C-alpha atoms as a PDB file:
ATOM      1  CA  MET A   1     150.139 120.110 -23.804  1.00  0.00           C
ATOM      2  CA  SER A   2     152.469 120.738 -26.609  1.00  0.00           C
ATOM      3  CA  LEU A   3     152.970 120.951 -30.291  1.00  0.00           C
ATOM      4  CA  GLU A   4     154.176 117.390 -30.406  1.00  0.00           C
ATOM      5  CA  SER A   5     154.636 115.627 -27.067  1.00  0.00           C
ATOM      6  CA  GLU A   6     154.774 115.932 -23.308  1.00  0.00           C
ATOM      7  CA  ARG A   7     158.074 114.321 -22.341  1.00  0.00           C
ATOM      8  CA  PRO A   8     159.257 115.194 -18.798  1.00  0.00           C
ATOM      9  CA  GLU A   9     162.668 116.275 -17.511  1.00  0.00           C
ATOM     10  CA  VAL A  10     163.584 118.530 -20.412  1.00  0.00           C
ATOM     11  CA  PRO A  11     165.506 121.810 -20.190  1.00  0.00           C
ATOM     12  CA  ALA A  12     164.509 124.999 -21.929  1.00  0.00           C
ATOM     13  CA  ALA A  13     165.572 124.962 -25.563  1.00  0.00           C
ATOM     14  CA  GLU A  14     168.513 127.121 -26.586  1.00  0.00           C
ATOM     15  CA  PRO A  15     167.949 129.644 -29.409  1.00  0.00           C
ATOM     16  CA  ALA A  16     169.273 128.555 -32.780  1.00  0.00           C
ATOM     17  CA  ALA A  17     172.809 129.793 -33.389  1.00  0.00           C
ATOM     18  CA  ALA A  18     173.094 132.401 -36.146  1.00  0.00           C
ATOM     19  CA  GLY A  19     169.480 131.726 -37.149  1.00  0.00           C
ATOM     20  CA  ARG A  20     170.133 128.090 -38.060  1.00  0.00           C
ATOM     21  CA  ARG A  21     167.490 125.663 -36.842  1.00  0.00           C
ATOM     22  CA  PRO A  22     169.010 122.598 -35.115  1.00  0.00           C
ATOM     23  CA  ARG A  23     167.830 119.200 -36.334  1.00  0.00           C
ATOM     24  CA  GLY A  24     165.640 116.952 -34.211  1.00  0.00           C
ATOM     25  CA  GLN A  25     163.208 117.716 -31.422  1.00  0.00           C
ATOM     26  CA  ARG A  26     163.910 120.753 -29.247  1.00  0.00           C
ATOM     27  CA  ARG A  27     162.136 120.181 -25.956  1.00  0.00           C
ATOM     28  CA  ARG A  28     161.216 122.653 -23.255  1.00  0.00           C
ATOM     29  CA  LEU A  29     159.856 122.291 -19.733  1.00  0.00           C
ATOM     30  CA  ILE A  30     157.513 125.155 -18.885  1.00  0.00           C
ATOM     31  CA  ASP A  31     158.141 125.814 -15.191  1.00  0.00           C
ATOM     32  CA  ASP A  32     156.858 129.386 -14.929  1.00  0.00           C
ATOM     33  CA  PRO A  33     153.100 130.065 -14.606  1.00  0.00           C
ATOM     34  CA  ARG A  34     153.572 133.387 -16.446  1.00  0.00           C
ATOM     35  CA  SER A  35     154.855 131.549 -19.534  1.00  0.00           C
ATOM     36  CA  MET A  36     151.897 129.171 -19.438  1.00  0.00           C
ATOM     37  CA  ARG A  37     149.456 132.058 -19.169  1.00  0.00           C
ATOM     38  CA  ALA A  38     151.173 133.833 -22.054  1.00  0.00           C
ATOM     39  CA  LEU A  39     150.449 130.799 -24.215  1.00  0.00           C
ATOM     40  CA  ALA A  40     146.809 130.621 -23.080  1.00  0.00           C
ATOM     41  CA  HIS A  41     145.505 132.739 -25.941  1.00  0.00           C
ATOM     42  CA  PRO A  42     143.768 131.376 -29.061  1.00  0.00           C
ATOM     43  CA  LEU A  43     145.690 133.559 -31.528  1.00  0.00           C
ATOM     44  CA  ARG A  44     149.025 132.762 -29.934  1.00  0.00           C
ATOM     45  CA  LEU A  45     148.345 129.040 -29.996  1.00  0.00           C
ATOM     46  CA  GLU A  46     147.385 129.263 -33.659  1.00  0.00           C
ATOM     47  CA  LEU A  47     150.402 131.419 -34.513  1.00  0.00           C
ATOM     48  CA  GLN A  48     152.689 128.945 -32.761  1.00  0.00           C
ATOM     49  CA  VAL A  49     151.270 126.129 -34.873  1.00  0.00           C
ATOM     50  CA  ILE A  50     151.525 128.139 -38.106  1.00  0.00           C
ATOM     51  CA  VAL A  51     155.161 129.030 -37.420  1.00  0.00           C
ATOM     52  CA  GLY A  52     155.922 125.350 -36.854  1.00  0.00           C
ATOM     53  CA  ARG A  53     154.164 124.116 -39.965  1.00  0.00           C
ATOM     54  CA  ALA A  54     155.834 126.734 -42.133  1.00  0.00           C
ATOM     55  CA  GLY A  55     159.276 126.127 -40.639  1.00  0.00           C
ATOM     56  CA  ARG A  56     159.864 129.862 -40.925  1.00  0.00           C
ATOM     57  CA  ILE A  57     157.290 132.522 -41.668  1.00  0.00           C
ATOM     58  CA  THR A  58     157.134 136.305 -41.734  1.00  0.00           C
ATOM     59  CA  THR A  59     154.668 138.325 -39.730  1.00  0.00           C
ATOM     60  CA  ALA A  60     152.908 139.398 -42.926  1.00  0.00           C
ATOM     61  CA  ASP A  61     152.469 135.823 -44.147  1.00  0.00           C
ATOM     62  CA  ALA A  62     151.290 134.638 -40.729  1.00  0.00           C
ATOM     63  CA  ALA A  63     148.746 137.474 -40.625  1.00  0.00           C
ATOM     64  CA  ARG A  64     147.426 136.511 -44.064  1.00  0.00           C
ATOM     65  CA  GLU A  65     147.211 132.867 -43.024  1.00  0.00           C
ATOM     66  CA  LEU A  66     145.047 133.763 -40.021  1.00  0.00           C
ATOM     67  CA  GLY A  67     143.139 136.587 -41.699  1.00  0.00           C
ATOM     68  CA  ILE A  68     144.192 139.168 -39.105  1.00  0.00           C
ATOM     69  CA  SER A  69     146.022 142.486 -39.308  1.00  0.00           C
ATOM     70  CA  HIS A  70     149.797 142.719 -39.523  1.00  0.00           C
ATOM     71  CA  GLY A  71     149.842 144.715 -36.282  1.00  0.00           C
ATOM     72  CA  LEU A  72     147.828 142.111 -34.369  1.00  0.00           C
ATOM     73  CA  ALA A  73     149.990 139.253 -35.614  1.00  0.00           C
ATOM     74  CA  SER A  74     153.130 141.212 -34.742  1.00  0.00           C
ATOM     75  CA  HIS A  75     151.906 141.892 -31.212  1.00  0.00           C
ATOM     76  CA  HIS A  76     151.157 138.258 -30.437  1.00  0.00           C
ATOM     77  CA  LEU A  77     154.332 136.958 -32.076  1.00  0.00           C
ATOM     78  CA  HIS A  78     156.364 139.345 -29.950  1.00  0.00           C
ATOM     79  CA  GLN A  79     154.523 138.127 -26.863  1.00  0.00           C
ATOM     80  CA  LEU A  80     155.397 134.543 -27.809  1.00  0.00           C
ATOM     81  CA  ALA A  81     159.002 135.651 -28.278  1.00  0.00           C
ATOM     82  CA  LYS A  82     159.027 137.420 -24.901  1.00  0.00           C
ATOM     83  CA  TYR A  83     158.289 134.126 -23.178  1.00  0.00           C
ATOM     84  CA  GLY A  84     160.660 132.071 -25.311  1.00  0.00           C
ATOM     85  CA  PHE A  85     158.291 130.243 -27.667  1.00  0.00           C
ATOM     86  CA  VAL A  86     159.409 131.785 -30.990  1.00  0.00           C
ATOM     87  CA  GLU A  87     162.344 133.845 -32.226  1.00  0.00           C
ATOM     88  CA  GLN A  88     163.185 136.013 -35.230  1.00  0.00           C
ATOM     89  CA  VAL A  89     166.030 134.921 -37.500  1.00  0.00           C
ATOM     90  CA  SER A  90     167.828 136.265 -40.539  1.00  0.00           C
ATOM     91  CA  GLY A  91     165.805 136.086 -43.742  1.00  0.00           C
ATOM     92  CA  SER A  92     166.706 135.924 -47.429  1.00  0.00           C
ATOM     93  CA  ASP A  93     166.584 139.720 -47.627  1.00  0.00           C
ATOM     94  CA  ASN A  94     166.420 142.698 -45.287  1.00  0.00           C
ATOM     95  CA  ARG A  95     162.735 143.460 -45.678  1.00  0.00           C
ATOM     96  CA  GLU A  96     161.319 141.367 -42.826  1.00  0.00           C
ATOM     97  CA  ARG A  97     162.924 138.844 -40.513  1.00  0.00           C
ATOM     98  CA  PRO A  98     160.969 135.567 -40.345  1.00  0.00           C
ATOM     99  CA  TRP A  99     159.957 133.753 -37.186  1.00  0.00           C
ATOM    100  CA  GLN A 100     160.766 130.188 -36.183  1.00  0.00           C
ATOM    101  CA  LEU A 101     160.045 128.017 -33.151  1.00  0.00           C
ATOM    102  CA  VAL A 102     162.497 127.919 -30.280  1.00  0.00           C
ATOM    103  CA  SER A 103     161.218 124.537 -29.086  1.00  0.00           C
ATOM    104  CA  THR A 104     159.134 121.944 -30.926  1.00  0.00           C
ATOM    105  CA  SER A 105     157.864 120.064 -27.873  1.00  0.00           C
ATOM    106  CA  THR A 106     156.828 121.347 -24.462  1.00  0.00           C
ATOM    107  CA  SER A 107     155.727 119.863 -21.137  1.00  0.00           C
ATOM    108  CA  TYR A 108     154.769 121.301 -17.773  1.00  0.00           C
ATOM    109  CA  GLU A 109     155.446 118.588 -15.203  1.00  0.00           C
ATOM    110  CA  GLY A 110     155.641 120.075 -11.714  1.00  0.00           C
ATOM    111  CA  LEU A 111     154.055 123.393 -12.676  1.00  0.00           C
ATOM    112  CA  GLU A 112     150.821 122.586 -10.843  1.00  0.00           C
ATOM    113  CA  ASP A 113     152.683 122.532  -7.523  1.00  0.00           C
ATOM    114  CA  LYS A 114     153.955 126.108  -7.910  1.00  0.00           C
ATOM    115  CA  PRO A 115     151.998 129.190  -6.751  1.00  0.00           C
ATOM    116  CA  GLY A 116     149.588 130.095  -9.534  1.00  0.00           C
ATOM    117  CA  GLY A 117     150.568 127.013 -11.515  1.00  0.00           C
ATOM    118  CA  ALA A 118     147.254 125.158 -11.301  1.00  0.00           C
ATOM    119  CA  ALA A 119     145.305 128.242 -12.398  1.00  0.00           C
ATOM    120  CA  ALA A 120     147.712 128.822 -15.302  1.00  0.00           C
ATOM    121  CA  ILE A 121     147.323 125.217 -16.462  1.00  0.00           C
ATOM    122  CA  ALA A 122     143.530 125.465 -16.220  1.00  0.00           C
ATOM    123  CA  ALA A 123     143.542 128.667 -18.285  1.00  0.00           C
ATOM    124  CA  PHE A 124     145.716 127.082 -20.951  1.00  0.00           C
ATOM    125  CA  GLU A 125     143.740 123.840 -21.117  1.00  0.00           C
ATOM    126  CA  GLN A 126     140.464 125.738 -21.537  1.00  0.00           C
ATOM    127  CA  VAL A 127     141.854 127.706 -24.496  1.00  0.00           C
ATOM    128  CA  ALA A 128     143.445 124.566 -25.980  1.00  0.00           C
ATOM    129  CA  ALA A 129     140.165 122.639 -25.645  1.00  0.00           C
ATOM    130  CA  GLU A 130     138.193 125.428 -27.311  1.00  0.00           C
ATOM    131  CA  ARG A 131     140.707 125.520 -30.160  1.00  0.00           C
ATOM    132  CA  THR A 132     140.390 121.744 -30.584  1.00  0.00           C
ATOM    133  CA  ILE A 133     136.598 121.935 -30.804  1.00  0.00           C
ATOM    134  CA  GLU A 134     136.885 124.677 -33.427  1.00  0.00           C
ATOM    135  CA  SER A 135     139.298 122.503 -35.415  1.00  0.00           C
ATOM    136  CA  LEU A 136     136.876 119.578 -35.249  1.00  0.00           C
ATOM    137  CA  LEU A 137     133.957 121.683 -36.477  1.00  0.00           C
ATOM    138  CA  ASP A 138     136.127 122.983 -39.301  1.00  0.00           C
ATOM    139  CA  TRP A 139     137.018 119.400 -40.239  1.00  0.00           C
ATOM    140  CA  GLN A 140     133.335 118.446 -40.349  1.00  0.00           C
ATOM    141  CA  GLU A 141     132.844 121.111 -43.020  1.00  0.00           C
ATOM    142  CA  ARG A 142     135.869 119.957 -45.037  1.00  0.00           C
ATOM    143  CA  ARG A 143     135.776 116.188 -44.660  1.00  0.00           C
ATOM    144  CA  SER A 144     133.599 115.474 -47.717  1.00  0.00           C
ATOM    145  CA  SER A 145     136.413 116.694 -49.963  1.00  0.00           C
ATOM    146  CA  TRP A 146     138.947 114.222 -48.485  1.00  0.00           C
ATOM    147  CA  SER A 147     139.467 110.601 -49.491  1.00  0.00           C
ATOM    148  CA  ALA A 148     137.749 107.732 -47.676  1.00  0.00           C
ATOM    149  CA  GLY A 149     140.972 106.718 -45.927  1.00  0.00           C
ATOM    150  CA  TRP A 150     141.354 110.101 -44.259  1.00  0.00           C
ATOM    151  CA  ARG A 151     137.652 110.281 -43.368  1.00  0.00           C
ATOM    152  CA  GLU A 152     137.554 106.775 -41.890  1.00  0.00           C
ATOM    153  CA  HIS A 153     140.382 107.376 -39.432  1.00  0.00           C
ATOM    154  CA  SER A 154     139.545 110.889 -38.271  1.00  0.00           C
ATOM    155  CA  GLY A 155     136.981 112.588 -36.083  1.00  0.00           C
ATOM    156  CA  ILE A 156     135.933 111.621 -32.553  1.00  0.00           C
ATOM    157  CA  GLY A 157     136.420 108.262 -30.894  1.00  0.00           C
ATOM    158  CA  ARG A 158     134.659 107.960 -27.531  1.00  0.00           C
ATOM    159  CA  SER A 159     134.929 105.203 -24.938  1.00  0.00           C
ATOM    160  CA  GLY A 160     134.109 104.757 -21.265  1.00  0.00           C
ATOM    161  CA  VAL A 161     135.787 102.231 -18.975  1.00  0.00           C
ATOM    162  CA  TYR A 162     136.370 101.700 -15.247  1.00  0.00           C
ATOM    163  CA  LEU A 163     140.074 102.053 -14.396  1.00  0.00           C
ATOM    164  CA  THR A 164     142.298 102.391 -11.375  1.00  0.00           C
ATOM    165  CA  GLU A 165     144.834 105.228 -11.137  1.00  0.00           C
ATOM    166  CA  ASN A 166     147.673 102.909 -12.150  1.00  0.00           C
ATOM    167  CA  GLU A 167     145.717 101.469 -15.063  1.00  0.00           C
ATOM    168  CA  LEU A 168     144.908 104.955 -16.335  1.00  0.00           C
ATOM    169  CA  ALA A 169     148.560 105.967 -16.114  1.00  0.00           C
ATOM    170  CA  GLY A 170     149.614 102.879 -18.076  1.00  0.00           C
ATOM    171  CA  LEU A 171     146.949 103.363 -20.721  1.00  0.00           C
ATOM    172  CA  VAL A 172     147.865 107.016 -21.343  1.00  0.00           C
ATOM    173  CA  ALA A 173     151.560 106.121 -21.480  1.00  0.00           C
ATOM    174  CA  GLY A 174     150.824 103.400 -24.053  1.00  0.00           C
ATOM    175  CA  MET A 175     148.900 105.825 -26.257  1.00  0.00           C
ATOM    176  CA  GLU A 176     151.740 108.327 -26.100  1.00  0.00           C
ATOM    177  CA  GLN A 177     154.297 105.657 -27.023  1.00  0.00           C
ATOM    178  CA  LEU A 178     152.380 104.784 -30.189  1.00  0.00           C
ATOM    179  CA  ILE A 179     152.782 108.271 -31.597  1.00  0.00           C
ATOM    180  CA  GLN A 180     156.167 109.050 -30.046  1.00  0.00           C
ATOM    181  CA  ARG A 181     158.074 107.364 -32.892  1.00  0.00           C
ATOM    182  CA  TYR A 182     156.673 109.797 -35.428  1.00  0.00           C
ATOM    183  CA  ILE A 183     157.108 112.736 -33.056  1.00  0.00           C
ATOM    184  CA  ASP A 184     160.800 111.968 -32.646  1.00  0.00           C
ATOM    185  CA  GLU A 185     161.401 111.353 -36.349  1.00  0.00           C
ATOM    186  CA  ARG A 186     159.456 114.374 -37.610  1.00  0.00           C
ATOM    187  CA  PRO A 187     159.815 117.596 -35.613  1.00  0.00           C
ATOM    188  CA  ILE A 188     156.917 119.863 -36.510  1.00  0.00           C
ATOM    189  CA  ASP A 189     159.127 122.484 -38.193  1.00  0.00           C
ATOM    190  CA  ASP A 190     161.485 120.086 -40.031  1.00  0.00           C
ATOM    191  CA  LEU A 191     160.148 120.190 -43.584  1.00  0.00           C
ATOM    192  CA  GLU A 192     162.680 117.635 -44.858  1.00  0.00           C
ATOM    193  CA  SER A 193     161.455 114.965 -42.435  1.00  0.00           C
ATOM    194  CA  ARG A 194     157.892 115.009 -43.822  1.00  0.00           C
ATOM    195  CA  PRO A 195     157.197 112.048 -46.137  1.00  0.00           C
ATOM    196  CA  PRO A 196     155.443 112.646 -49.458  1.00  0.00           C
ATOM    197  CA  GLY A 197     151.681 112.731 -49.054  1.00  0.00           C
ATOM    198  CA  SER A 198     151.788 113.637 -45.372  1.00  0.00           C
ATOM    199  CA  VAL A 199     149.601 116.376 -43.898  1.00  0.00           C
ATOM    200  CA  PRO A 200     149.548 117.893 -40.396  1.00  0.00           C
ATOM    201  CA  VAL A 201     147.363 115.741 -38.125  1.00  0.00           C
ATOM    202  CA  GLU A 202     146.404 116.886 -34.630  1.00  0.00           C
ATOM    203  CA  PHE A 203     145.821 114.435 -31.786  1.00  0.00           C
ATOM    204  CA  THR A 204     144.079 115.692 -28.645  1.00  0.00           C
ATOM    205  CA  LEU A 205     143.466 113.299 -25.756  1.00  0.00           C
ATOM    206  CA  PHE A 206     140.789 114.250 -23.255  1.00  0.00           C
ATOM    207  CA  VAL A 207     140.985 112.099 -20.109  1.00  0.00           C
ATOM    208  CA  ILE A 208     138.074 112.873 -17.774  1.00  0.00           C
ATOM    209  CA  PRO A 209     137.495 110.860 -14.568  1.00  0.00           C
ATOM    210  CA  ARG A 210     133.844 110.900 -13.539  1.00  0.00           C
ATOM    211  CA  ASP A 211     131.968 110.107 -10.328  1.00  0.00           C
ATOM    212  CA  PRO A 212     130.391 106.629 -10.369  1.00  0.00           C
ATOM    213  CA  VAL A 213     126.586 106.744 -10.367  1.00  0.00           C
ATOM    214  CA  GLY A 214     124.948 106.148  -6.989  1.00  0.00           C
ATOM    215  CA  LEU A 215     128.162 106.041  -4.952  1.00  0.00           C
ATOM    216  CA  PRO A 216     129.650 108.743  -2.724  1.00  0.00           C
ATOM    217  CA  ARG A 217     133.033 110.018  -3.842  1.00  0.00           C
ATOM    218  CA  ASP A 218     136.087 110.022  -1.604  1.00  0.00           C
ATOM    219  CA  PRO A 219     137.894 113.362  -2.292  1.00  0.00           C
ATOM    220  CA  ALA A 220     141.235 111.596  -1.726  1.00  0.00           C
ATOM    221  CA  GLY A 221     140.637 108.939  -4.347  1.00  0.00           C
ATOM    222  CA  PRO A 222     138.076 106.827  -6.212  1.00  0.00           C
ATOM    223  CA  ALA A 223     134.526 106.368  -5.031  1.00  0.00           C
ATOM    224  CA  SER A 224     134.172 104.486  -1.760  1.00  0.00           C
ATOM    225  CA  GLY A 225     132.128 101.342  -1.528  1.00  0.00           C
ATOM    226  CA  GLY A 226     133.514  99.734  -4.688  1.00  0.00           C
ATOM    227  CA  SER A 227     136.715  98.640  -6.358  1.00  0.00           C
END
């Protein structure tokens, strides 16, 4: 769960000094269920993404981008700020202070073991999954206007395979490593790091273990009676 990656063992990001955004990834470990629940809202997730893609954006511009009222955008941006996801910085004039991300990458290792942590993660993942499905449906409407190269390598890829716990862990880690190079080189809000011709591309990995057909499941592990 994050804008860019899910690297463990990362401290909370420090706010940018004097409104200046530091270069490189700014990683945060979410260790408070209240912060995770604060993020589990479709408008807040979308606002977080918009702030990152813009680098800096005012409340008015963010509201126009989402097609919502200024007051609604302001409320949710302030909620994101309350829990340390975005911050306001000095702008080019005194009319309205723009928003920027505090951290560009978040993870929540260990949160599930805290009281209320599992429920907070479940709430967030449900909202994130719904947002992903909406993005996919939107892409289906737009894809005919994109070049063949973009169309060929986008959409849903679906596979099923029997794996052990260790094999699954290794496979997920390998997938993450493939994209990690680009994540590290191109923080989501660093406009200068974006190569010409690049567009924002979202990757969402759903990993869903299922019960084998015709075999009883051992609650402590994989189905019994097979390997």
